[in-house]
Amino acid sequence: MHITITTESYIMWLCILFVSLWGGIVRELMKRNRLKAQRWASLGRQIIVSVFAGTLGALLGFELGFSDYMKVLMAGFFSLTDIQSAKKMFDMIMLRKTGIK
């Protein structure tokens, strides 16, 4: 079986990674305003976690057959949220798509 990777799929993944990275930076900046702490290691950890969470959100969008715009939107949302919000969104999506709670 031969899988063809197109330029469009590269651009889509670059957009997903960029939006996830940006979400991590924004989340860290919001947290810094509350804590008044400036740590580069904290920013690095937040970016890694946000890119991972954003990628998982985009993969969920791929699995559920969403449009490209929705995949990028899900990547951004998942990269900004904490685990409770992501779980609520996942439950809402699964309820809408499958009817399973």
PDB file of N, CA and C in Angstrom:
ATOM      1  N   MET A   1       0.849  -1.175   0.000  1.00  0.00           N
ATOM      2  CA  MET A   1       0.000   0.000   0.000  1.00  0.00           C
ATOM      3  C   MET A   1       0.895   1.238   0.000  1.00  0.00           C
ATOM      4  N   HIS A   2       0.629   2.145  -0.901  1.00  0.00           N
ATOM      5  CA  HIS A   2       1.432   3.365  -1.037  1.00  0.00           C
ATOM      6  C   HIS A   2       0.595   4.568  -0.609  1.00  0.00           C
ATOM      7  N   ILE A   3       1.137   5.348   0.304  1.00  0.00           N
ATOM      8  CA  ILE A   3       0.442   6.541   0.801  1.00  0.00           C
ATOM      9  C   ILE A   3       1.081   7.759   0.167  1.00  0.00           C
ATOM     10  N   THR A   4       0.269   8.588  -0.465  1.00  0.00           N
ATOM     11  CA  THR A   4       0.752   9.808  -1.092  1.00  0.00           C
ATOM     12  C   THR A   4       0.498  10.982  -0.151  1.00  0.00           C
ATOM     13  N   ILE A   5       1.568  11.718   0.143  1.00  0.00           N
ATOM     14  CA  ILE A   5       1.440  12.902   0.990  1.00  0.00           C
ATOM     15  C   ILE A   5       1.504  14.128   0.085  1.00  0.00           C
ATOM     16  N   THR A   6       0.458  14.932   0.139  1.00  0.00           N
ATOM     17  CA  THR A   6       0.389  16.100  -0.732  1.00  0.00           C
ATOM     18  C   THR A   6       0.898  17.333   0.000  1.00  0.00           C
ATOM     19  N   THR A   7       1.141  18.381  -0.784  1.00  0.00           N
ATOM     20  CA  THR A   7       1.577  19.650  -0.210  1.00  0.00           C
ATOM     21  C   THR A   7       0.499  20.223   0.702  1.00  0.00           C
ATOM     22  N   GLU A   8      -0.759  19.993   0.344  1.00  0.00           N
ATOM     23  CA  GLU A   8      -1.854  20.494   1.172  1.00  0.00           C
ATOM     24  C   GLU A   8      -1.834  19.889   2.570  1.00  0.00           C
ATOM     25  N   SER A   9      -1.475  18.609   2.685  1.00  0.00           N
ATOM     26  CA  SER A   9      -1.435  18.000   4.011  1.00  0.00           C
ATOM     27  C   SER A   9      -0.276  18.558   4.834  1.00  0.00           C
ATOM     28  N   TYR A  10       0.854  18.879   4.191  1.00  0.00           N
ATOM     29  CA  TYR A  10       1.953  19.525   4.905  1.00  0.00           C
ATOM     30  C   TYR A  10       1.522  20.895   5.435  1.00  0.00           C
ATOM     31  N   ILE A  11       0.845  21.650   4.606  1.00  0.00           N
ATOM     32  CA  ILE A  11       0.388  22.980   5.007  1.00  0.00           C
ATOM     33  C   ILE A  11      -0.625  22.873   6.141  1.00  0.00           C
ATOM     34  N   MET A  12      -1.517  21.880   6.067  1.00  0.00           N
ATOM     35  CA  MET A  12      -2.516  21.680   7.123  1.00  0.00           C
ATOM     36  C   MET A  12      -1.819  21.378   8.448  1.00  0.00           C
ATOM     37  N   TRP A  13      -0.841  20.491   8.461  1.00  0.00           N
ATOM     38  CA  TRP A  13      -0.153  20.151   9.701  1.00  0.00           C
ATOM     39  C   TRP A  13       0.681  21.311  10.219  1.00  0.00           C
ATOM     40  N   LEU A  14       1.256  22.093   9.327  1.00  0.00           N
ATOM     41  CA  LEU A  14       1.987  23.289   9.771  1.00  0.00           C
ATOM     42  C   LEU A  14       1.042  24.278  10.438  1.00  0.00           C
ATOM     43  N   CYS A  15      -0.149  24.454   9.868  1.00  0.00           N
ATOM     44  CA  CYS A  15      -1.150  25.342  10.484  1.00  0.00           C
ATOM     45  C   CYS A  15      -1.565  24.817  11.852  1.00  0.00           C
ATOM     46  N   ILE A  16      -1.792  23.519  11.954  1.00  0.00           N
ATOM     47  CA  ILE A  16      -2.197  22.917  13.227  1.00  0.00           C
ATOM     48  C   ILE A  16      -1.107  23.110  14.273  1.00  0.00           C
ATOM     49  N   LEU A  17       0.144  22.850  13.898  1.00  0.00           N
ATOM     50  CA  LEU A  17       1.247  23.002  14.846  1.00  0.00           C
ATOM     51  C   LEU A  17       1.442  24.459  15.246  1.00  0.00           C
ATOM     52  N   PHE A  18       1.302  25.378  14.285  1.00  0.00           N
ATOM     53  CA  PHE A  18       1.458  26.799  14.600  1.00  0.00           C
ATOM     54  C   PHE A  18       0.372  27.278  15.557  1.00  0.00           C
ATOM     55  N   VAL A  19      -0.868  26.895  15.291  1.00  0.00           N
ATOM     56  CA  VAL A  19      -1.978  27.316  16.154  1.00  0.00           C
ATOM     57  C   VAL A  19      -1.813  26.714  17.548  1.00  0.00           C
ATOM     58  N   SER A  20      -1.372  25.466  17.618  1.00  0.00           N
ATOM     59  CA  SER A  20      -1.139  24.835  18.921  1.00  0.00           C
ATOM     60  C   SER A  20      -0.011  25.529  19.673  1.00  0.00           C
ATOM     61  N   LEU A  21       1.055  25.856  18.980  1.00  0.00           N
ATOM     62  CA  LEU A  21       2.178  26.564  19.594  1.00  0.00           C
ATOM     63  C   LEU A  21       1.733  27.927  20.102  1.00  0.00           C
ATOM     64  N   TRP A  22       0.985  28.631  19.284  1.00  0.00           N
ATOM     65  CA  TRP A  22       0.484  29.955  19.678  1.00  0.00           C
ATOM     66  C   TRP A  22      -0.428  29.834  20.897  1.00  0.00           C
ATOM     67  N   GLY A  23      -1.262  28.796  20.939  1.00  0.00           N
ATOM     68  CA  GLY A  23      -2.119  28.583  22.096  1.00  0.00           C
ATOM     69  C   GLY A  23      -1.312  28.372  23.367  1.00  0.00           C
ATOM     70  N   GLY A  24      -0.194  27.659  23.273  1.00  0.00           N
ATOM     71  CA  GLY A  24       0.666  27.461  24.432  1.00  0.00           C
ATOM     72  C   GLY A  24       1.286  28.753  24.915  1.00  0.00           C
ATOM     73  N   ILE A  25       1.704  29.585  23.988  1.00  0.00           N
ATOM     74  CA  ILE A  25       2.289  30.878  24.360  1.00  0.00           C
ATOM     75  C   ILE A  25       1.242  31.765  25.028  1.00  0.00           C
ATOM     76  N   VAL A  26       0.050  31.802  24.462  1.00  0.00           N
ATOM     77  CA  VAL A  26      -1.025  32.630  25.034  1.00  0.00           C
ATOM     78  C   VAL A  26      -1.401  32.128  26.422  1.00  0.00           C
ATOM     79  N   ARG A  27      -1.509  30.820  26.578  1.00  0.00           N
ATOM     80  CA  ARG A  27      -1.867  30.269  27.897  1.00  0.00           C
ATOM     81  C   ARG A  27      -0.801  30.613  28.936  1.00  0.00           C
ATOM     82  N   GLU A  28       0.469  30.516  28.557  1.00  0.00           N
ATOM     83  CA  GLU A  28       1.540  30.848  29.493  1.00  0.00           C
ATOM     84  C   GLU A  28       1.524  32.333  29.834  1.00  0.00           C
ATOM     85  N   LEU A  29       1.259  33.194  28.851  1.00  0.00           N
ATOM     86  CA  LEU A  29       1.203  34.626  29.121  1.00  0.00           C
ATOM     87  C   LEU A  29       0.037  34.969  30.047  1.00  0.00           C
ATOM     88  N   MET A  30      -1.092  34.291  29.869  1.00  0.00           N
ATOM     89  CA  MET A  30      -2.225  34.521  30.768  1.00  0.00           C
ATOM     90  C   MET A  30      -1.877  34.072  32.181  1.00  0.00           C
ATOM     91  N   LYS A  31      -1.185  32.963  32.298  1.00  0.00           N
ATOM     92  CA  LYS A  31      -0.793  32.466  33.612  1.00  0.00           C
ATOM     93  C   LYS A  31       0.235  33.395  34.254  1.00  0.00           C
ATOM     94  N   ARG A  32       1.144  33.945  33.471  1.00  0.00           N
ATOM     95  CA  ARG A  32       2.161  34.852  34.005  1.00  0.00           C
ATOM     96  C   ARG A  32       1.540  36.134  34.540  1.00  0.00           C
ATOM     97  N   ASN A  33       0.476  36.600  33.900  1.00  0.00           N
ATOM     98  CA  ASN A  33      -0.188  37.806  34.406  1.00  0.00           C
ATOM     99  C   ASN A  33      -0.761  37.569  35.796  1.00  0.00           C
ATOM    100  N   ARG A  34      -1.209  36.348  36.063  1.00  0.00           N
ATOM    101  CA  ARG A  34      -1.747  36.030  37.389  1.00  0.00           C
ATOM    102  C   ARG A  34      -0.641  35.796  38.402  1.00  0.00           C
ATOM    103  N   LEU A  35       0.426  35.112  37.999  1.00  0.00           N
ATOM    104  CA  LEU A  35       1.454  34.712  38.949  1.00  0.00           C
ATOM    105  C   LEU A  35       2.631  35.682  39.033  1.00  0.00           C
ATOM    106  N   LYS A  36       2.782  36.533  38.049  1.00  0.00           N
ATOM    107  CA  LYS A  36       3.906  37.469  37.985  1.00  0.00           C
ATOM    108  C   LYS A  36       5.262  36.750  37.972  1.00  0.00           C
ATOM    109  N   ALA A  37       5.292  35.551  37.465  1.00  0.00           N
ATOM    110  CA  ALA A  37       6.544  34.792  37.381  1.00  0.00           C
ATOM    111  C   ALA A  37       7.026  34.777  35.937  1.00  0.00           C
ATOM    112  N   GLN A  38       8.334  34.841  35.767  1.00  0.00           N
ATOM    113  CA  GLN A  38       8.902  34.816  34.417  1.00  0.00           C
ATOM    114  C   GLN A  38       9.948  33.714  34.359  1.00  0.00           C
ATOM    115  N   ARG A  39       9.532  32.584  33.888  1.00  0.00           N
ATOM    116  CA  ARG A  39      10.431  31.452  33.766  1.00  0.00           C
ATOM    117  C   ARG A  39      10.374  30.917  32.348  1.00  0.00           C
ATOM    118  N   TRP A  40      11.525  30.800  31.737  1.00  0.00           N
ATOM    119  CA  TRP A  40      11.585  30.279  30.369  1.00  0.00           C
ATOM    120  C   TRP A  40      11.294  28.787  30.337  1.00  0.00           C
ATOM    121  N   ALA A  41      11.709  28.070  31.378  1.00  0.00           N
ATOM    122  CA  ALA A  41      11.439  26.635  31.428  1.00  0.00           C
ATOM    123  C   ALA A  41       9.939  26.373  31.478  1.00  0.00           C
ATOM    124  N   SER A  42       9.219  27.212  32.211  1.00  0.00           N
ATOM    125  CA  SER A  42       7.769  27.076  32.293  1.00  0.00           C
ATOM    126  C   SER A  42       7.125  27.304  30.923  1.00  0.00           C
ATOM    127  N   LEU A  43       7.629  28.286  30.198  1.00  0.00           N
ATOM    128  CA  LEU A  43       7.118  28.542  28.843  1.00  0.00           C
ATOM    129  C   LEU A  43       7.384  27.349  27.938  1.00  0.00           C
ATOM    130  N   GLY A  44       8.574  26.791  28.030  1.00  0.00           N
ATOM    131  CA  GLY A  44       8.910  25.626  27.202  1.00  0.00           C
ATOM    132  C   GLY A  44       8.013  24.440  27.489  1.00  0.00           C
ATOM    133  N   ARG A  45       7.782  24.167  28.768  1.00  0.00           N
ATOM    134  CA  ARG A  45       6.896  23.052  29.147  1.00  0.00           C
ATOM    135  C   ARG A  45       5.472  23.300  28.656  1.00  0.00           C
ATOM    136  N   GLN A  46       4.997  24.527  28.811  1.00  0.00           N
ATOM    137  CA  GLN A  46       3.628  24.829  28.381  1.00  0.00           C
ATOM    138  C   GLN A  46       3.486  24.679  26.869  1.00  0.00           C
ATOM    139  N   ILE A  47       4.497  25.082  26.113  1.00  0.00           N
ATOM    140  CA  ILE A  47       4.444  24.943  24.655  1.00  0.00           C
ATOM    141  C   ILE A  47       4.411  23.472  24.269  1.00  0.00           C
ATOM    142  N   ILE A  48       5.239  22.654  24.911  1.00  0.00           N
ATOM    143  CA  ILE A  48       5.254  21.228  24.591  1.00  0.00           C
ATOM    144  C   ILE A  48       3.895  20.592  24.877  1.00  0.00           C
ATOM    145  N   VAL A  49       3.336  20.895  26.035  1.00  0.00           N
ATOM    146  CA  VAL A  49       2.033  20.335  26.399  1.00  0.00           C
ATOM    147  C   VAL A  49       0.948  20.832  25.453  1.00  0.00           C
ATOM    148  N   SER A  50       0.979  22.108  25.107  1.00  0.00           N
ATOM    149  CA  SER A  50      -0.054  22.670  24.237  1.00  0.00           C
ATOM    150  C   SER A  50       0.024  22.132  22.818  1.00  0.00           C
ATOM    151  N   VAL A  51       1.229  21.964  22.305  1.00  0.00           N
ATOM    152  CA  VAL A  51       1.365  21.396  20.957  1.00  0.00           C
ATOM    153  C   VAL A  51       0.859  19.957  20.956  1.00  0.00           C
ATOM    154  N   PHE A  52       1.168  19.205  21.999  1.00  0.00           N
ATOM    155  CA  PHE A  52       0.675  17.832  22.090  1.00  0.00           C
ATOM    156  C   PHE A  52      -0.852  17.807  22.174  1.00  0.00           C
ATOM    157  N   ALA A  53      -1.419  18.636  23.043  1.00  0.00           N
ATOM    158  CA  ALA A  53      -2.879  18.673  23.195  1.00  0.00           C
ATOM    159  C   ALA A  53      -3.556  19.157  21.918  1.00  0.00           C
ATOM    160  N   GLY A  54      -2.967  20.161  21.260  1.00  0.00           N
ATOM    161  CA  GLY A  54      -3.530  20.649  20.004  1.00  0.00           C
ATOM    162  C   GLY A  54      -3.486  19.601  18.913  1.00  0.00           C
ATOM    163  N   THR A  55      -2.407  18.841  18.870  1.00  0.00           N
ATOM    164  CA  THR A  55      -2.297  17.773  17.879  1.00  0.00           C
ATOM    165  C   THR A  55      -3.336  16.689  18.140  1.00  0.00           C
ATOM    166  N   LEU A  56      -3.548  16.351  19.406  1.00  0.00           N
ATOM    167  CA  LEU A  56      -4.586  15.374  19.730  1.00  0.00           C
ATOM    168  C   LEU A  56      -5.972  15.885  19.331  1.00  0.00           C
ATOM    169  N   GLY A  57      -6.219  17.172  19.556  1.00  0.00           N
ATOM    170  CA  GLY A  57      -7.496  17.744  19.140  1.00  0.00           C
ATOM    171  C   GLY A  57      -7.684  17.682  17.632  1.00  0.00           C
ATOM    172  N   ALA A  58      -6.620  17.977  16.889  1.00  0.00           N
ATOM    173  CA  ALA A  58      -6.706  17.907  15.434  1.00  0.00           C
ATOM    174  C   ALA A  58      -6.900  16.472  14.962  1.00  0.00           C
ATOM    175  N   LEU A  59      -6.207  15.527  15.603  1.00  0.00           N
ATOM    176  CA  LEU A  59      -6.392  14.111  15.238  1.00  0.00           C
ATOM    177  C   LEU A  59      -7.816  13.651  15.507  1.00  0.00           C
ATOM    178  N   LEU A  60      -8.410  14.150  16.583  1.00  0.00           N
ATOM    179  CA  LEU A  60      -9.817  13.849  16.846  1.00  0.00           C
ATOM    180  C   LEU A  60     -10.690  14.399  15.720  1.00  0.00           C
ATOM    181  N   GLY A  61     -10.364  15.613  15.254  1.00  0.00           N
ATOM    182  CA  GLY A  61     -11.101  16.186  14.132  1.00  0.00           C
ATOM    183  C   GLY A  61     -10.947  15.372  12.860  1.00  0.00           C
ATOM    184  N   PHE A  62      -9.754  14.868  12.601  1.00  0.00           N
ATOM    185  CA  PHE A  62      -9.542  13.997  11.444  1.00  0.00           C
ATOM    186  C   PHE A  62     -10.376  12.728  11.568  1.00  0.00           C
ATOM    187  N   GLU A  63     -10.363  12.146  12.746  1.00  0.00           N
ATOM    188  CA  GLU A  63     -11.074  10.892  12.967  1.00  0.00           C
ATOM    189  C   GLU A  63     -12.582  11.059  12.800  1.00  0.00           C
ATOM    190  N   LEU A  64     -13.099  12.214  13.222  1.00  0.00           N
ATOM    191  CA  LEU A  64     -14.538  12.448  13.139  1.00  0.00           C
ATOM    192  C   LEU A  64     -14.968  13.046  11.801  1.00  0.00           C
ATOM    193  N   GLY A  65     -14.000  13.292  10.911  1.00  0.00           N
ATOM    194  CA  GLY A  65     -14.337  13.758   9.563  1.00  0.00           C
ATOM    195  C   GLY A  65     -14.681  15.231   9.473  1.00  0.00           C
ATOM    196  N   PHE A  66     -14.121  16.052  10.343  1.00  0.00           N
ATOM    197  CA  PHE A  66     -14.398  17.483  10.314  1.00  0.00           C
ATOM    198  C   PHE A  66     -13.676  18.147   9.147  1.00  0.00           C
ATOM    199  N   SER A  67     -14.115  19.360   8.834  1.00  0.00           N
ATOM    200  CA  SER A  67     -13.465  20.135   7.776  1.00  0.00           C
ATOM    201  C   SER A  67     -12.100  20.618   8.263  1.00  0.00           C
ATOM    202  N   ASP A  68     -11.284  21.093   7.323  1.00  0.00           N
ATOM    203  CA  ASP A  68      -9.940  21.565   7.670  1.00  0.00           C
ATOM    204  C   ASP A  68      -9.985  22.717   8.661  1.00  0.00           C
ATOM    205  N   TYR A  69     -10.937  23.612   8.484  1.00  0.00           N
ATOM    206  CA  TYR A  69     -11.045  24.749   9.393  1.00  0.00           C
ATOM    207  C   TYR A  69     -11.395  24.301  10.809  1.00  0.00           C
ATOM    208  N   MET A  70     -12.282  23.325  10.927  1.00  0.00           N
ATOM    209  CA  MET A  70     -12.649  22.806  12.244  1.00  0.00           C
ATOM    210  C   MET A  70     -11.476  22.094  12.906  1.00  0.00           C
ATOM    211  N   LYS A  71     -10.644  21.425  12.114  1.00  0.00           N
ATOM    212  CA  LYS A  71      -9.463  20.758  12.683  1.00  0.00           C
ATOM    213  C   LYS A  71      -8.506  21.779  13.282  1.00  0.00           C
ATOM    214  N   VAL A  72      -8.291  22.879  12.572  1.00  0.00           N
ATOM    215  CA  VAL A  72      -7.412  23.929  13.094  1.00  0.00           C
ATOM    216  C   VAL A  72      -8.048  24.578  14.317  1.00  0.00           C
ATOM    217  N   LEU A  73      -9.349  24.805  14.287  1.00  0.00           N
ATOM    218  CA  LEU A  73     -10.057  25.368  15.432  1.00  0.00           C
ATOM    219  C   LEU A  73      -9.947  24.450  16.646  1.00  0.00           C
ATOM    220  N   MET A  74     -10.109  23.151  16.434  1.00  0.00           N
ATOM    221  CA  MET A  74      -9.984  22.207  17.537  1.00  0.00           C
ATOM    222  C   MET A  74      -8.565  22.175  18.091  1.00  0.00           C
ATOM    223  N   ALA A  75      -7.574  22.293  17.218  1.00  0.00           N
ATOM    224  CA  ALA A  75      -6.182  22.333  17.673  1.00  0.00           C
ATOM    225  C   ALA A  75      -5.963  23.548  18.565  1.00  0.00           C
ATOM    226  N   GLY A  76      -6.486  24.687  18.157  1.00  0.00           N
ATOM    227  CA  GLY A  76      -6.348  25.895  18.967  1.00  0.00           C
ATOM    228  C   GLY A  76      -7.071  25.788  20.290  1.00  0.00           C
ATOM    229  N   PHE A  77      -8.278  25.247  20.271  1.00  0.00           N
ATOM    230  CA  PHE A  77      -9.048  25.128  21.506  1.00  0.00           C
ATOM    231  C   PHE A  77      -8.377  24.158  22.476  1.00  0.00           C
ATOM    232  N   PHE A  78      -7.958  23.007  21.967  1.00  0.00           N
ATOM    233  CA  PHE A  78      -7.333  22.023  22.838  1.00  0.00           C
ATOM    234  C   PHE A  78      -6.007  22.528  23.386  1.00  0.00           C
ATOM    235  N   SER A  79      -5.297  23.351  22.628  1.00  0.00           N
ATOM    236  CA  SER A  79      -4.013  23.854  23.113  1.00  0.00           C
ATOM    237  C   SER A  79      -4.191  24.903  24.211  1.00  0.00           C
ATOM    238  N   LEU A  80      -5.348  25.547  24.267  1.00  0.00           N
ATOM    239  CA  LEU A  80      -5.603  26.572  25.280  1.00  0.00           C
ATOM    240  C   LEU A  80      -6.263  26.049  26.546  1.00  0.00           C
ATOM    241  N   THR A  81      -6.880  24.893  26.473  1.00  0.00           N
ATOM    242  CA  THR A  81      -7.719  24.449  27.576  1.00  0.00           C
ATOM    243  C   THR A  81      -6.974  23.578  28.566  1.00  0.00           C
ATOM    244  N   ASP A  82      -7.574  23.435  29.716  1.00  0.00           N
ATOM    245  CA  ASP A  82      -7.095  22.467  30.686  1.00  0.00           C
ATOM    246  C   ASP A  82      -7.819  21.148  30.425  1.00  0.00           C
ATOM    247  N   ILE A  83      -7.486  20.141  31.183  1.00  0.00           N
ATOM    248  CA  ILE A  83      -8.007  18.802  30.909  1.00  0.00           C
ATOM    249  C   ILE A  83      -9.519  18.712  31.107  1.00  0.00           C
ATOM    250  N   GLN A  84     -10.078  19.444  32.066  1.00  0.00           N
ATOM    251  CA  GLN A  84     -11.516  19.363  32.298  1.00  0.00           C
ATOM    252  C   GLN A  84     -12.298  19.937  31.110  1.00  0.00           C
ATOM    253  N   SER A  85     -11.835  21.068  30.579  1.00  0.00           N
ATOM    254  CA  SER A  85     -12.524  21.673  29.436  1.00  0.00           C
ATOM    255  C   SER A  85     -12.401  20.804  28.200  1.00  0.00           C
ATOM    256  N   ALA A  86     -11.231  20.212  27.995  1.00  0.00           N
ATOM    257  CA  ALA A  86     -11.037  19.334  26.839  1.00  0.00           C
ATOM    258  C   ALA A  86     -11.933  18.103  26.943  1.00  0.00           C
ATOM    259  N   LYS A  87     -12.070  17.557  28.154  1.00  0.00           N
ATOM    260  CA  LYS A  87     -12.948  16.402  28.338  1.00  0.00           C
ATOM    261  C   LYS A  87     -14.403  16.767  28.056  1.00  0.00           C
ATOM    262  N   LYS A  88     -14.836  17.940  28.508  1.00  0.00           N
ATOM    263  CA  LYS A  88     -16.210  18.369  28.237  1.00  0.00           C
ATOM    264  C   LYS A  88     -16.447  18.516  26.741  1.00  0.00           C
ATOM    265  N   MET A  89     -15.472  19.098  26.031  1.00  0.00           N
ATOM    266  CA  MET A  89     -15.624  19.256  24.586  1.00  0.00           C
ATOM    267  C   MET A  89     -15.648  17.895  23.901  1.00  0.00           C
ATOM    268  N   PHE A  90     -14.768  16.985  24.322  1.00  0.00           N
ATOM    269  CA  PHE A  90     -14.745  15.647  23.748  1.00  0.00           C
ATOM    270  C   PHE A  90     -16.079  14.950  23.958  1.00  0.00           C
ATOM    271  N   ASP A  91     -16.624  15.040  25.176  1.00  0.00           N
ATOM    272  CA  ASP A  91     -17.918  14.425  25.470  1.00  0.00           C
ATOM    273  C   ASP A  91     -19.021  15.032  24.615  1.00  0.00           C
ATOM    274  N   MET A  92     -18.983  16.344  24.424  1.00  0.00           N
ATOM    275  CA  MET A  92     -19.992  17.016  23.614  1.00  0.00           C
ATOM    276  C   MET A  92     -19.902  16.560  22.148  1.00  0.00           C
ATOM    277  N   ILE A  93     -18.682  16.435  21.635  1.00  0.00           N
ATOM    278  CA  ILE A  93     -18.487  15.997  20.247  1.00  0.00           C
ATOM    279  C   ILE A  93     -18.960  14.555  20.081  1.00  0.00           C
ATOM    280  N   MET A  94     -18.606  13.695  21.014  1.00  0.00           N
ATOM    281  CA  MET A  94     -18.985  12.291  20.917  1.00  0.00           C
ATOM    282  C   MET A  94     -20.492  12.136  21.035  1.00  0.00           C
ATOM    283  N   LEU A  95     -21.134  12.925  21.884  1.00  0.00           N
ATOM    284  CA  LEU A  95     -22.583  12.870  22.021  1.00  0.00           C
ATOM    285  C   LEU A  95     -23.249  13.290  20.713  1.00  0.00           C
ATOM    286  N   ARG A  96     -22.737  14.341  20.097  1.00  0.00           N
ATOM    287  CA  ARG A  96     -23.316  14.844  18.853  1.00  0.00           C
ATOM    288  C   ARG A  96     -23.102  13.860  17.700  1.00  0.00           C
ATOM    289  N   LYS A  97     -21.890  13.272  17.613  1.00  0.00           N
ATOM    290  CA  LYS A  97     -21.571  12.383  16.488  1.00  0.00           C
ATOM    291  C   LYS A  97     -22.158  11.001  16.645  1.00  0.00           C
ATOM    292  N   THR A  98     -22.125  10.439  17.868  1.00  0.00           N
ATOM    293  CA  THR A  98     -22.512   9.047  18.043  1.00  0.00           C
ATOM    294  C   THR A  98     -23.744   8.859  18.909  1.00  0.00           C
ATOM    295  N   GLY A  99     -24.080   9.852  19.721  1.00  0.00           N
ATOM    296  CA  GLY A  99     -25.194   9.704  20.648  1.00  0.00           C
ATOM    297  C   GLY A  99     -24.805   8.987  21.928  1.00  0.00           C
ATOM    298  N   ILE A 100     -23.481   8.709  22.077  1.00  0.00           N
ATOM    299  CA  ILE A 100     -22.985   7.991  23.263  1.00  0.00           C
ATOM    300  C   ILE A 100     -22.471   9.001  24.274  1.00  0.00           C
ATOM    301  N   LYS A 101     -22.886   8.857  25.536  1.00  0.00           N
ATOM    302  CA  LYS A 101     -22.387   9.737  26.608  1.00  0.00           C
ATOM    303  C   LYS A 101     -21.173   9.148  27.229  1.00  0.00           C
TER     304      LYS A 101
END
